[in-house]
Amino acid sequence: MKISDVRVRIVKNESSKIKASASITIDDCFVVHDIKVILGNEGYFIAMPSRKTPDGEFKDIVHPLNTETRELISGIVLKAFEEAQNAAE
């Protein structure tokens, strides 16, 4: 699997824990939108696209099936987020 494109949109609301939204293109043929970059207690992390169920729980719509793929996506998205932040300053 190759992530062929990453696009990051910085969130302007400084009080929000969500700092950006990202889209990734996989192998030039599959796009995942609405990956959130969130500032947590231990730094930045990503959350995959999700929707709220009728009982109030959030379920991922798409997600990696293994740790290796999650770490790959997380690393690439967070690096692109850092670059977008630096460019905005």
Protein backbone atom coordinates (compact mmCIF):
# COMPACT_ATOMS: atom_id res chain seq x y z
CA MET A 1 0.00 0.00 0.00
CA LYS A 2 1.27 3.44 -0.93
CA ILE A 3 -0.23 6.69 0.27
CA SER A 4 0.09 8.75 -2.88
CA ASP A 5 -1.38 12.06 -1.64
CA VAL A 6 -2.17 13.78 1.67
CA ARG A 7 -4.16 16.99 2.00
CA VAL A 8 -4.52 18.79 5.33
CA ARG A 9 -6.94 21.55 6.22
CA ILE A 10 -6.10 23.40 9.44
CA VAL A 11 -9.06 24.14 11.74
CA LYS A 12 -9.13 27.82 12.71
CA ASN A 13 -11.09 27.36 15.99
CA GLU A 14 -8.31 27.52 18.60
CA SER A 15 -10.56 26.30 21.44
CA SER A 16 -11.32 23.03 19.62
CA LYS A 17 -9.29 19.89 20.28
CA ILE A 18 -9.65 19.07 16.58
CA LYS A 19 -6.74 20.87 14.93
CA ALA A 20 -7.08 19.69 11.33
CA SER A 21 -8.94 17.49 8.90
CA ALA A 22 -7.04 15.38 6.38
CA SER A 23 -7.69 13.34 3.26
CA ILE A 24 -5.41 10.60 1.99
CA THR A 25 -5.23 8.93 -1.39
CA ILE A 26 -4.16 5.29 -1.37
CA ASP A 27 -2.45 3.80 -4.44
CA ASP A 28 -3.77 6.65 -6.64
CA CYS A 29 -7.20 4.99 -6.62
CA PHE A 30 -8.91 5.21 -3.20
CA VAL A 31 -9.55 8.33 -1.10
CA VAL A 32 -10.35 8.58 2.61
CA HIS A 33 -11.71 11.97 3.73
CA ASP A 34 -12.30 13.41 7.20
CA ILE A 35 -9.35 11.98 9.12
CA LYS A 36 -9.16 14.25 12.16
CA VAL A 37 -5.96 15.49 13.80
CA ILE A 38 -6.69 15.87 17.50
CA LEU A 39 -4.64 17.39 20.32
CA GLY A 40 -4.78 14.99 23.27
CA ASN A 41 -3.12 14.92 26.67
CA GLU A 42 -0.05 13.19 25.23
CA GLY A 43 0.23 15.10 21.96
CA TYR A 44 -1.36 14.86 18.54
CA PHE A 45 -3.10 11.75 17.23
CA ILE A 46 -5.46 10.91 14.38
CA ALA A 47 -9.04 9.69 14.45
CA MET A 48 -10.48 7.90 11.47
CA PRO A 49 -13.81 9.01 9.93
CA SER A 50 -16.73 7.96 12.13
CA ARG A 51 -20.44 8.39 12.60
CA LYS A 52 -22.64 8.50 15.67
CA THR A 53 -24.88 5.49 16.23
CA PRO A 54 -28.45 5.85 17.56
CA ASP A 55 -27.22 4.93 21.06
CA GLY A 56 -24.69 7.80 21.04
CA GLU A 57 -21.58 5.72 20.37
CA PHE A 58 -19.12 6.65 17.60
CA LYS A 59 -18.11 3.91 15.12
CA ASP A 60 -15.31 4.20 12.57
CA ILE A 61 -16.54 4.14 8.98
CA VAL A 62 -13.11 3.10 7.66
CA HIS A 63 -10.08 1.99 9.63
CA PRO A 64 -6.80 0.10 9.27
CA LEU A 65 -6.92 -3.59 10.07
CA ASN A 66 -3.53 -3.76 11.74
CA THR A 67 -1.17 -1.69 13.87
CA GLU A 68 1.45 -1.40 11.14
CA THR A 69 -0.99 0.26 8.72
CA ARG A 70 -2.41 2.53 11.45
CA GLU A 71 1.10 3.70 12.35
CA LEU A 72 1.92 4.30 8.66
CA ILE A 73 -1.19 6.42 8.11
CA SER A 74 -0.76 8.25 11.41
CA GLY A 75 2.89 9.09 10.72
CA ILE A 76 2.20 10.40 7.22
CA VAL A 77 -0.85 12.47 8.25
CA LEU A 78 0.86 13.96 11.33
CA LYS A 79 3.94 14.85 9.27
CA ALA A 80 1.75 16.62 6.68
CA PHE A 81 -0.09 18.39 9.53
CA GLU A 82 3.19 19.62 10.99
CA GLU A 83 4.29 20.91 7.58
CA ALA A 84 0.93 22.69 7.10
CA GLN A 85 1.23 24.30 10.54
CA ASN A 86 4.75 25.52 9.78
CA ALA A 87 3.65 26.92 6.42
CA ALA A 88 0.76 28.78 8.09
CA GLU A 89 3.07 30.55 10.58
